[in-house]
């Protein structure tokens, strides 16, 4: 069984460690834990590892957030993977900072990366893991907020979210979305 895990973000050092790039940060954490490296490939960076008989392919699109669909579609077709075997990890303003939400489908919810993927695939029926970054910004300052760096006070929560996401990714690939969602919700409650 093969799985494609996409972490959304923007390429370039100026976007490193910003709220919008938490998908990239999550995949970087997973590659470090698995002891694998990134390779520059068409439309992104790619890494892969095996977990309990599953081949897990990680992709960080280099198409910028608003064009994420181009990379997602290319890699789904290239790897011949069904949409239910992909997982898109992204930030979410509508979710309280520190909370995670795993769903097997849904709307873009105003997120340009998800909007691009839905438009390109012609469907919203794919799993996504949304990481709550909150909405602590003044009116008209949304772009500055999502492209802003994490504060020192936020770092511990960010690290905890990323660790929970890594666990959710492995559960998703081994047990499926139902069990992964149960475990993630249990983890948040405890």
N, C-alpha and C. Protein backbone atom coordinates (compact mmCIF):
# COMPACT_ATOMS: atom_id res chain seq x y z
N UNK A 1 0.85 -1.19 0.00
CA UNK A 1 0.00 0.00 0.00
C UNK A 1 0.88 1.24 0.00
N UNK A 2 0.46 2.22 -0.79
CA UNK A 2 1.20 3.48 -0.92
C UNK A 2 0.33 4.64 -0.45
N UNK A 3 0.98 5.62 0.18
CA UNK A 3 0.30 6.82 0.65
C UNK A 3 1.10 8.04 0.26
N UNK A 4 0.39 9.10 -0.09
CA UNK A 4 1.01 10.38 -0.40
C UNK A 4 0.59 11.39 0.66
N UNK A 5 1.56 11.97 1.32
CA UNK A 5 1.29 12.97 2.35
C UNK A 5 1.84 14.30 1.86
N UNK A 6 0.95 15.27 1.71
CA UNK A 6 1.34 16.61 1.26
C UNK A 6 1.33 17.57 2.43
N UNK A 7 2.43 18.26 2.63
CA UNK A 7 2.47 19.35 3.60
C UNK A 7 2.46 20.64 2.81
N UNK A 8 1.47 21.50 3.06
CA UNK A 8 1.37 22.73 2.28
C UNK A 8 2.18 23.85 2.92
N UNK A 9 2.68 24.71 2.06
CA UNK A 9 3.47 25.85 2.49
C UNK A 9 3.96 26.62 1.28
N UNK A 10 4.83 27.56 1.54
CA UNK A 10 5.46 28.35 0.48
C UNK A 10 6.95 28.09 0.50
N UNK A 11 7.56 27.87 -0.69
CA UNK A 11 9.01 27.66 -0.72
C UNK A 11 9.77 28.95 -0.48
N UNK A 12 10.98 28.84 0.01
CA UNK A 12 11.83 30.01 0.23
C UNK A 12 12.06 30.28 1.70
N UNK A 13 13.28 30.73 2.01
CA UNK A 13 13.66 30.99 3.40
C UNK A 13 12.81 32.05 4.08
N UNK A 14 12.30 33.02 3.30
CA UNK A 14 11.50 34.08 3.90
C UNK A 14 10.18 33.56 4.49
N UNK A 15 9.76 32.36 4.06
CA UNK A 15 8.51 31.78 4.58
C UNK A 15 8.76 30.71 5.64
N UNK A 16 10.01 30.40 5.88
CA UNK A 16 10.36 29.38 6.87
C UNK A 16 9.85 29.77 8.25
N UNK A 17 9.27 28.79 8.95
CA UNK A 17 8.77 28.96 10.32
C UNK A 17 7.64 29.99 10.42
N UNK A 18 6.89 30.17 9.34
CA UNK A 18 5.70 31.01 9.39
C UNK A 18 4.48 30.12 9.65
N UNK A 19 3.41 30.73 10.08
CA UNK A 19 2.18 29.99 10.37
C UNK A 19 1.67 29.25 9.13
N UNK A 20 1.78 29.86 7.98
CA UNK A 20 1.29 29.27 6.74
C UNK A 20 2.09 28.03 6.34
N UNK A 21 3.29 27.88 6.89
CA UNK A 21 4.18 26.77 6.51
C UNK A 21 4.20 25.63 7.51
N UNK A 22 3.22 25.54 8.37
CA UNK A 22 3.23 24.48 9.37
C UNK A 22 3.13 23.09 8.72
N UNK A 23 2.56 23.02 7.54
CA UNK A 23 2.54 21.74 6.80
C UNK A 23 3.96 21.30 6.44
N UNK A 24 4.78 22.24 5.98
CA UNK A 24 6.19 21.95 5.69
C UNK A 24 6.92 21.53 6.96
N UNK A 25 6.70 22.28 8.05
CA UNK A 25 7.37 21.98 9.32
C UNK A 25 7.04 20.57 9.81
N UNK A 26 5.79 20.18 9.63
CA UNK A 26 5.36 18.84 10.06
C UNK A 26 6.09 17.77 9.27
N UNK A 27 6.18 17.94 7.95
CA UNK A 27 6.88 16.93 7.15
C UNK A 27 8.38 16.93 7.45
N UNK A 28 8.95 18.09 7.74
CA UNK A 28 10.36 18.12 8.14
C UNK A 28 10.58 17.34 9.43
N UNK A 29 9.66 17.46 10.36
CA UNK A 29 9.75 16.72 11.62
C UNK A 29 9.69 15.22 11.36
N UNK A 30 8.77 14.79 10.48
CA UNK A 30 8.63 13.37 10.16
C UNK A 30 9.90 12.83 9.51
N UNK A 31 10.47 13.58 8.56
CA UNK A 31 11.69 13.09 7.90
C UNK A 31 12.84 12.95 8.89
N UNK A 32 12.94 13.88 9.83
CA UNK A 32 14.00 13.77 10.84
C UNK A 32 13.80 12.54 11.70
N UNK A 33 12.55 12.31 12.13
CA UNK A 33 12.25 11.13 12.96
C UNK A 33 12.52 9.83 12.21
N UNK A 34 12.26 9.82 10.91
CA UNK A 34 12.44 8.61 10.10
C UNK A 34 13.86 8.47 9.56
N UNK A 35 14.67 9.52 9.71
CA UNK A 35 16.05 9.47 9.23
C UNK A 35 16.17 9.45 7.72
N UNK A 36 15.27 10.17 7.04
CA UNK A 36 15.31 10.23 5.57
C UNK A 36 15.52 11.67 5.13
N UNK A 37 15.99 11.82 3.90
CA UNK A 37 16.31 13.14 3.37
C UNK A 37 15.31 13.55 2.30
N UNK A 38 15.37 14.82 1.93
CA UNK A 38 14.56 15.36 0.86
C UNK A 38 15.33 15.32 -0.46
N UNK A 39 14.60 15.08 -1.55
CA UNK A 39 15.17 15.16 -2.90
C UNK A 39 14.35 16.17 -3.69
N UNK A 40 15.04 16.99 -4.46
CA UNK A 40 14.34 17.95 -5.31
C UNK A 40 13.79 17.20 -6.53
N UNK A 41 12.48 17.32 -6.74
CA UNK A 41 11.81 16.62 -7.82
C UNK A 41 10.88 17.60 -8.54
N UNK A 42 10.20 17.11 -9.55
CA UNK A 42 9.26 17.95 -10.28
C UNK A 42 8.17 18.46 -9.33
N UNK A 43 7.97 19.74 -9.31
CA UNK A 43 6.93 20.42 -8.54
C UNK A 43 7.06 20.26 -7.03
N UNK A 44 8.28 20.04 -6.52
CA UNK A 44 8.42 20.01 -5.07
C UNK A 44 9.65 19.29 -4.55
N UNK A 45 9.59 18.98 -3.28
CA UNK A 45 10.59 18.16 -2.60
C UNK A 45 9.90 16.87 -2.20
N UNK A 46 10.63 15.76 -2.28
CA UNK A 46 10.06 14.45 -2.01
C UNK A 46 10.95 13.67 -1.06
N UNK A 47 10.30 12.92 -0.18
CA UNK A 47 10.99 12.01 0.71
C UNK A 47 10.09 10.79 0.86
N UNK A 48 10.65 9.67 1.22
CA UNK A 48 9.81 8.48 1.42
C UNK A 48 10.44 7.55 2.44
N UNK A 49 9.58 6.76 3.07
CA UNK A 49 10.03 5.75 4.02
C UNK A 49 8.95 4.68 4.11
N UNK A 50 9.30 3.57 4.72
CA UNK A 50 8.34 2.48 4.93
C UNK A 50 7.94 2.46 6.39
N UNK A 51 6.67 2.14 6.61
CA UNK A 51 6.15 2.03 7.97
C UNK A 51 5.17 0.86 8.00
N UNK A 52 5.56 -0.20 8.71
CA UNK A 52 4.72 -1.38 8.87
C UNK A 52 4.15 -1.86 7.54
N UNK A 53 5.01 -1.98 6.54
CA UNK A 53 4.60 -2.49 5.24
C UNK A 53 3.96 -1.47 4.32
N UNK A 54 3.84 -0.23 4.76
CA UNK A 54 3.27 0.83 3.93
C UNK A 54 4.39 1.72 3.41
N UNK A 55 4.28 2.09 2.14
CA UNK A 55 5.21 3.05 1.55
C UNK A 55 4.59 4.43 1.71
N UNK A 56 5.29 5.30 2.41
CA UNK A 56 4.78 6.65 2.68
C UNK A 56 5.67 7.66 1.94
N UNK A 57 5.04 8.40 1.04
CA UNK A 57 5.74 9.40 0.24
C UNK A 57 5.32 10.77 0.74
N UNK A 58 6.30 11.57 1.11
CA UNK A 58 6.06 12.93 1.59
C UNK A 58 6.39 13.92 0.48
N UNK A 59 5.51 14.89 0.27
CA UNK A 59 5.73 15.91 -0.77
C UNK A 59 5.53 17.30 -0.16
N UNK A 60 6.52 18.17 -0.39
CA UNK A 60 6.38 19.59 -0.09
C UNK A 60 6.32 20.31 -1.44
N UNK A 61 5.11 20.72 -1.88
CA UNK A 61 5.00 21.40 -3.18
C UNK A 61 5.83 22.69 -3.21
N UNK A 62 6.43 22.96 -4.37
CA UNK A 62 7.18 24.22 -4.52
C UNK A 62 6.43 25.19 -5.42
N UNK A 63 5.14 24.98 -5.55
CA UNK A 63 4.31 25.78 -6.45
C UNK A 63 3.70 27.00 -5.77
N UNK A 64 4.07 27.25 -4.52
CA UNK A 64 3.45 28.26 -3.67
C UNK A 64 2.03 27.81 -3.32
N UNK A 65 1.56 28.27 -2.19
CA UNK A 65 0.30 27.82 -1.61
C UNK A 65 -0.86 27.88 -2.60
N UNK A 66 -1.00 29.01 -3.29
CA UNK A 66 -2.17 29.24 -4.14
C UNK A 66 -2.23 28.32 -5.36
N UNK A 67 -1.14 27.61 -5.66
CA UNK A 67 -1.11 26.69 -6.79
C UNK A 67 -0.80 25.26 -6.35
N UNK A 68 -1.08 24.94 -5.11
CA UNK A 68 -0.77 23.61 -4.56
C UNK A 68 -1.41 22.48 -5.36
N UNK A 69 -2.57 22.74 -5.94
CA UNK A 69 -3.28 21.71 -6.70
C UNK A 69 -2.47 21.12 -7.83
N UNK A 70 -1.64 21.95 -8.46
CA UNK A 70 -0.81 21.50 -9.58
C UNK A 70 0.13 20.38 -9.14
N UNK A 71 0.80 20.56 -8.01
CA UNK A 71 1.72 19.55 -7.49
C UNK A 71 0.95 18.32 -7.01
N UNK A 72 -0.14 18.53 -6.29
CA UNK A 72 -0.93 17.41 -5.76
C UNK A 72 -1.42 16.54 -6.90
N UNK A 73 -2.00 17.15 -7.92
CA UNK A 73 -2.51 16.38 -9.06
C UNK A 73 -1.39 15.62 -9.76
N UNK A 74 -0.26 16.28 -9.98
CA UNK A 74 0.87 15.62 -10.65
C UNK A 74 1.30 14.37 -9.89
N UNK A 75 1.46 14.49 -8.57
CA UNK A 75 1.97 13.36 -7.80
C UNK A 75 0.93 12.25 -7.61
N UNK A 76 -0.34 12.59 -7.54
CA UNK A 76 -1.38 11.56 -7.49
C UNK A 76 -1.34 10.74 -8.77
N UNK A 77 -1.24 11.43 -9.92
CA UNK A 77 -1.19 10.72 -11.21
C UNK A 77 0.12 9.96 -11.38
N UNK A 78 1.22 10.58 -11.01
CA UNK A 78 2.53 9.95 -11.17
C UNK A 78 2.66 8.68 -10.33
N UNK A 79 2.16 8.73 -9.11
CA UNK A 79 2.26 7.57 -8.21
C UNK A 79 1.05 6.63 -8.30
N UNK A 80 0.05 7.02 -9.10
CA UNK A 80 -1.17 6.22 -9.28
C UNK A 80 -1.81 5.88 -7.93
N UNK A 81 -2.08 6.94 -7.17
CA UNK A 81 -2.64 6.78 -5.83
C UNK A 81 -4.07 7.31 -5.81
N UNK A 82 -4.96 6.54 -5.18
CA UNK A 82 -6.35 6.95 -5.05
C UNK A 82 -6.45 8.13 -4.07
N UNK A 83 -7.40 9.03 -4.30
CA UNK A 83 -7.54 10.19 -3.40
C UNK A 83 -7.70 9.83 -1.93
N UNK A 84 -8.31 8.71 -1.61
CA UNK A 84 -8.46 8.33 -0.19
C UNK A 84 -7.12 7.94 0.45
N UNK A 85 -6.08 7.74 -0.36
CA UNK A 85 -4.76 7.40 0.17
C UNK A 85 -3.81 8.59 0.16
N UNK A 86 -4.38 9.80 0.07
CA UNK A 86 -3.56 11.00 0.22
C UNK A 86 -4.01 11.70 1.50
N UNK A 87 -3.13 12.50 2.02
CA UNK A 87 -3.45 13.33 3.18
C UNK A 87 -2.79 14.69 2.97
N UNK A 88 -3.57 15.74 3.07
CA UNK A 88 -3.07 17.11 2.91
C UNK A 88 -3.01 17.75 4.29
N UNK A 89 -1.84 18.24 4.67
CA UNK A 89 -1.64 18.88 5.98
C UNK A 89 -1.49 20.38 5.75
N UNK A 90 -2.31 21.16 6.45
CA UNK A 90 -2.30 22.60 6.23
C UNK A 90 -2.67 23.38 7.49
N UNK A 91 -2.37 24.65 7.48
CA UNK A 91 -2.78 25.56 8.55
C UNK A 91 -4.26 25.90 8.40
N UNK A 92 -4.88 26.38 9.47
CA UNK A 92 -6.28 26.78 9.40
C UNK A 92 -6.56 27.90 10.40
N UNK A 93 -6.97 29.04 9.87
CA UNK A 93 -7.32 30.22 10.69
C UNK A 93 -8.60 30.00 11.51
N UNK A 94 -9.50 29.16 10.99
CA UNK A 94 -10.80 28.99 11.62
C UNK A 94 -10.76 28.03 12.81
N UNK A 95 -9.64 27.40 13.03
CA UNK A 95 -9.50 26.45 14.15
C UNK A 95 -8.62 27.10 15.21
N UNK A 96 -9.06 26.96 16.45
CA UNK A 96 -8.33 27.53 17.59
C UNK A 96 -6.88 27.06 17.59
N UNK A 97 -5.98 27.98 17.90
CA UNK A 97 -4.56 27.68 17.94
C UNK A 97 -4.29 26.47 18.84
N UNK A 98 -3.58 25.49 18.27
CA UNK A 98 -3.21 24.31 19.03
C UNK A 98 -4.10 23.11 18.78
N UNK A 99 -5.27 23.31 18.17
CA UNK A 99 -6.17 22.20 17.91
C UNK A 99 -5.97 21.65 16.51
N UNK A 100 -6.31 20.38 16.33
CA UNK A 100 -6.15 19.71 15.04
C UNK A 100 -7.49 19.13 14.62
N UNK A 101 -7.72 19.08 13.32
CA UNK A 101 -8.95 18.50 12.81
C UNK A 101 -8.63 17.63 11.59
N UNK A 102 -8.96 16.36 11.68
CA UNK A 102 -8.75 15.40 10.60
C UNK A 102 -10.10 15.04 10.01
N UNK A 103 -10.24 15.20 8.70
CA UNK A 103 -11.50 14.90 8.00
C UNK A 103 -11.18 14.16 6.70
N UNK A 104 -12.16 13.36 6.24
CA UNK A 104 -11.93 12.63 5.00
C UNK A 104 -12.36 13.43 3.76
N UNK A 105 -13.05 14.57 3.97
CA UNK A 105 -13.42 15.46 2.87
C UNK A 105 -13.94 16.75 3.48
N UNK A 106 -14.23 17.72 2.63
CA UNK A 106 -14.76 18.98 3.13
C UNK A 106 -14.48 20.12 2.17
N UNK A 107 -14.90 21.29 2.57
CA UNK A 107 -14.71 22.47 1.74
C UNK A 107 -13.30 23.04 1.93
N UNK A 108 -12.99 24.05 1.15
CA UNK A 108 -11.71 24.73 1.30
C UNK A 108 -11.68 25.59 2.55
N UNK A 109 -12.84 25.98 3.04
CA UNK A 109 -12.90 26.80 4.25
C UNK A 109 -12.13 28.10 4.13
N UNK A 110 -12.05 28.65 2.91
CA UNK A 110 -11.33 29.90 2.72
C UNK A 110 -9.82 29.75 2.55
N UNK A 111 -9.32 28.51 2.59
CA UNK A 111 -7.87 28.29 2.48
C UNK A 111 -7.50 28.16 1.00
N UNK A 112 -6.60 29.03 0.55
CA UNK A 112 -6.26 29.06 -0.88
C UNK A 112 -5.55 27.80 -1.37
N UNK A 113 -4.77 27.16 -0.52
CA UNK A 113 -4.12 25.91 -0.92
C UNK A 113 -5.14 24.81 -1.14
N UNK A 114 -6.08 24.67 -0.21
CA UNK A 114 -7.14 23.66 -0.37
C UNK A 114 -8.03 24.00 -1.56
N UNK A 115 -8.30 25.28 -1.75
CA UNK A 115 -9.13 25.72 -2.88
C UNK A 115 -8.46 25.30 -4.19
N UNK A 116 -7.17 25.50 -4.31
CA UNK A 116 -6.43 25.12 -5.51
C UNK A 116 -6.50 23.61 -5.75
N UNK A 117 -6.35 22.84 -4.68
CA UNK A 117 -6.40 21.38 -4.81
C UNK A 117 -7.79 20.94 -5.25
N UNK A 118 -8.82 21.47 -4.63
CA UNK A 118 -10.20 21.10 -4.97
C UNK A 118 -10.51 21.46 -6.43
N UNK A 119 -10.10 22.65 -6.85
CA UNK A 119 -10.34 23.08 -8.23
C UNK A 119 -9.58 22.19 -9.22
N UNK A 120 -8.34 21.86 -8.91
CA UNK A 120 -7.52 21.07 -9.83
C UNK A 120 -8.00 19.63 -9.91
N UNK A 121 -8.35 19.04 -8.76
CA UNK A 121 -8.81 17.65 -8.75
C UNK A 121 -10.27 17.54 -9.18
N UNK A 122 -11.02 18.64 -9.09
CA UNK A 122 -12.44 18.60 -9.41
C UNK A 122 -13.26 17.90 -8.33
N UNK A 123 -12.71 17.83 -7.13
CA UNK A 123 -13.38 17.15 -6.03
C UNK A 123 -12.80 17.62 -4.69
N UNK A 124 -13.67 17.61 -3.67
CA UNK A 124 -13.23 17.93 -2.31
C UNK A 124 -13.13 16.66 -1.47
N UNK A 125 -13.24 15.51 -2.14
CA UNK A 125 -13.23 14.21 -1.45
C UNK A 125 -11.81 13.66 -1.31
N UNK A 126 -11.06 14.28 -0.42
CA UNK A 126 -9.72 13.78 -0.08
C UNK A 126 -9.46 14.15 1.38
N UNK A 127 -8.74 13.29 2.10
CA UNK A 127 -8.46 13.56 3.51
C UNK A 127 -7.55 14.77 3.70
N UNK A 128 -7.83 15.49 4.79
CA UNK A 128 -7.00 16.64 5.13
C UNK A 128 -6.88 16.75 6.64
N UNK A 129 -5.70 17.19 7.07
CA UNK A 129 -5.42 17.41 8.49
C UNK A 129 -5.14 18.89 8.65
N UNK A 130 -6.07 19.58 9.32
CA UNK A 130 -5.96 21.02 9.50
C UNK A 130 -5.40 21.32 10.88
N UNK A 131 -4.42 22.20 10.89
CA UNK A 131 -3.73 22.57 12.12
C UNK A 131 -4.14 24.00 12.50
N UNK A 132 -4.76 24.13 13.66
CA UNK A 132 -5.27 25.42 14.08
C UNK A 132 -4.18 26.42 14.41
N UNK A 133 -4.21 27.55 13.69
CA UNK A 133 -3.25 28.62 13.97
C UNK A 133 -3.96 29.81 14.62
N UNK A 134 -5.29 29.69 14.80
CA UNK A 134 -6.05 30.76 15.42
C UNK A 134 -6.24 31.94 14.49
N UNK A 135 -6.86 32.97 15.01
CA UNK A 135 -7.13 34.17 14.19
C UNK A 135 -6.90 35.44 15.00
N UNK A 136 -5.76 35.48 15.66
CA UNK A 136 -5.42 36.59 16.54
C UNK A 136 -4.74 37.73 15.74
N UNK A 137 -5.55 38.36 14.88
CA UNK A 137 -5.02 39.46 14.08
C UNK A 137 -6.09 40.54 13.93
N UNK A 138 -5.63 41.75 13.65
CA UNK A 138 -6.54 42.87 13.46
C UNK A 138 -7.18 42.79 12.08
N UNK A 139 -8.34 43.40 11.94
CA UNK A 139 -9.04 43.43 10.67
C UNK A 139 -8.12 43.92 9.55
N UNK A 140 -8.08 43.18 8.46
CA UNK A 140 -7.24 43.54 7.32
C UNK A 140 -5.80 43.07 7.42
N UNK A 141 -5.44 42.38 8.50
CA UNK A 141 -4.05 41.95 8.71
C UNK A 141 -3.88 40.43 8.59
N UNK A 142 -4.83 39.76 7.93
CA UNK A 142 -4.78 38.31 7.82
C UNK A 142 -3.51 37.82 7.13
N UNK A 143 -3.13 38.43 6.02
CA UNK A 143 -1.94 38.01 5.29
C UNK A 143 -0.69 38.15 6.16
N UNK A 144 -0.58 39.28 6.85
CA UNK A 144 0.57 39.48 7.74
C UNK A 144 0.62 38.41 8.83
N UNK A 145 -0.55 38.03 9.32
CA UNK A 145 -0.63 37.02 10.38
C UNK A 145 -0.19 35.65 9.87
N UNK A 146 -0.77 35.19 8.77
CA UNK A 146 -0.43 33.83 8.30
C UNK A 146 1.01 33.75 7.79
N UNK A 147 1.53 34.86 7.29
CA UNK A 147 2.92 34.85 6.82
C UNK A 147 3.90 35.30 7.91
N UNK A 148 3.37 35.51 9.11
CA UNK A 148 4.20 35.89 10.24
C UNK A 148 4.84 34.68 10.90
N UNK A 149 5.95 34.92 11.57
CA UNK A 149 6.67 33.85 12.28
C UNK A 149 5.98 33.55 13.61
N UNK A 150 6.18 32.34 14.08
CA UNK A 150 5.67 31.96 15.40
C UNK A 150 6.37 32.78 16.47
N UNK A 151 5.64 33.14 17.49
CA UNK A 151 6.25 33.85 18.61
C UNK A 151 6.92 32.82 19.53
N UNK A 152 7.78 33.30 20.40
CA UNK A 152 8.42 32.39 21.38
C UNK A 152 7.38 31.71 22.25
N UNK A 153 6.33 32.42 22.63
CA UNK A 153 5.28 31.85 23.46
C UNK A 153 4.51 30.74 22.75
N UNK A 154 4.46 30.79 21.43
CA UNK A 154 3.71 29.80 20.65
C UNK A 154 4.50 28.52 20.37
N UNK A 155 5.82 28.58 20.51
CA UNK A 155 6.68 27.48 20.07
C UNK A 155 6.35 26.12 20.71
N UNK A 156 6.09 26.08 21.99
CA UNK A 156 5.81 24.80 22.66
C UNK A 156 4.54 24.18 22.09
N UNK A 157 3.52 24.99 21.90
CA UNK A 157 2.25 24.50 21.34
C UNK A 157 2.46 24.01 19.92
N UNK A 158 3.23 24.74 19.12
CA UNK A 158 3.51 24.34 17.74
C UNK A 158 4.22 22.98 17.72
N UNK A 159 5.22 22.82 18.57
CA UNK A 159 5.95 21.54 18.64
C UNK A 159 5.01 20.40 19.02
N UNK A 160 4.11 20.64 19.97
CA UNK A 160 3.15 19.61 20.37
C UNK A 160 2.19 19.26 19.24
N UNK A 161 1.72 20.28 18.51
CA UNK A 161 0.84 20.02 17.36
C UNK A 161 1.54 19.16 16.32
N UNK A 162 2.79 19.49 16.04
CA UNK A 162 3.54 18.75 15.02
C UNK A 162 3.74 17.30 15.45
N UNK A 163 4.04 17.07 16.71
CA UNK A 163 4.19 15.69 17.21
C UNK A 163 2.88 14.92 17.08
N UNK A 164 1.76 15.56 17.40
CA UNK A 164 0.45 14.90 17.26
C UNK A 164 0.15 14.62 15.79
N UNK A 165 0.55 15.52 14.91
CA UNK A 165 0.33 15.31 13.48
C UNK A 165 1.14 14.13 12.97
N UNK A 166 2.37 14.00 13.43
CA UNK A 166 3.19 12.86 13.00
C UNK A 166 2.52 11.56 13.39
N UNK A 167 2.01 11.50 14.59
CA UNK A 167 1.29 10.31 15.07
C UNK A 167 0.03 10.07 14.22
N UNK A 168 -0.69 11.15 13.90
CA UNK A 168 -1.90 11.03 13.08
C UNK A 168 -1.58 10.53 11.68
N UNK A 169 -0.48 10.99 11.10
CA UNK A 169 -0.07 10.54 9.76
C UNK A 169 0.19 9.04 9.77
N UNK A 170 0.94 8.56 10.75
CA UNK A 170 1.25 7.13 10.81
C UNK A 170 -0.02 6.31 11.05
N UNK A 171 -0.90 6.79 11.92
CA UNK A 171 -2.18 6.11 12.14
C UNK A 171 -3.03 6.09 10.89
N UNK A 172 -3.06 7.20 10.17
CA UNK A 172 -3.81 7.30 8.92
C UNK A 172 -3.32 6.25 7.92
N UNK A 173 -2.02 6.14 7.78
CA UNK A 173 -1.45 5.21 6.80
C UNK A 173 -1.61 3.74 7.22
N UNK A 174 -1.57 3.48 8.49
CA UNK A 174 -1.64 2.08 8.95
C UNK A 174 -3.06 1.63 9.27
N UNK A 175 -3.84 2.49 9.91
CA UNK A 175 -5.17 2.08 10.37
C UNK A 175 -6.32 2.68 9.56
N UNK A 176 -6.07 3.73 8.79
CA UNK A 176 -7.13 4.40 8.05
C UNK A 176 -7.63 5.64 8.76
N UNK A 177 -8.45 6.39 8.06
CA UNK A 177 -8.89 7.70 8.58
C UNK A 177 -9.77 7.59 9.82
N UNK A 178 -10.61 6.57 9.89
CA UNK A 178 -11.50 6.43 11.05
C UNK A 178 -10.74 6.29 12.35
N UNK A 179 -9.84 5.33 12.38
CA UNK A 179 -9.05 5.09 13.59
C UNK A 179 -8.11 6.26 13.88
N UNK A 180 -7.53 6.83 12.82
CA UNK A 180 -6.63 7.97 13.01
C UNK A 180 -7.38 9.15 13.63
N UNK A 181 -8.62 9.37 13.20
CA UNK A 181 -9.43 10.45 13.77
C UNK A 181 -9.75 10.18 15.22
N UNK A 182 -10.13 8.94 15.54
CA UNK A 182 -10.42 8.56 16.94
C UNK A 182 -9.21 8.79 17.82
N UNK A 183 -8.04 8.32 17.37
CA UNK A 183 -6.82 8.46 18.16
C UNK A 183 -6.43 9.93 18.34
N UNK A 184 -6.60 10.71 17.29
CA UNK A 184 -6.25 12.13 17.36
C UNK A 184 -7.16 12.84 18.34
N UNK A 185 -8.46 12.56 18.27
CA UNK A 185 -9.41 13.18 19.20
C UNK A 185 -9.14 12.74 20.64
N UNK A 186 -8.80 11.48 20.82
CA UNK A 186 -8.47 10.97 22.15
C UNK A 186 -7.24 11.68 22.71
N UNK A 187 -6.24 11.88 21.84
CA UNK A 187 -5.00 12.54 22.21
C UNK A 187 -5.25 13.98 22.64
N UNK A 188 -6.16 14.66 21.93
CA UNK A 188 -6.45 16.06 22.25
C UNK A 188 -7.19 16.16 23.58
N UNK A 189 -8.09 15.23 23.83
CA UNK A 189 -8.90 15.25 25.06
C UNK A 189 -8.05 14.97 26.28
N UNK A 190 -7.10 14.05 26.16
CA UNK A 190 -6.29 13.65 27.32
C UNK A 190 -5.27 14.65 27.74
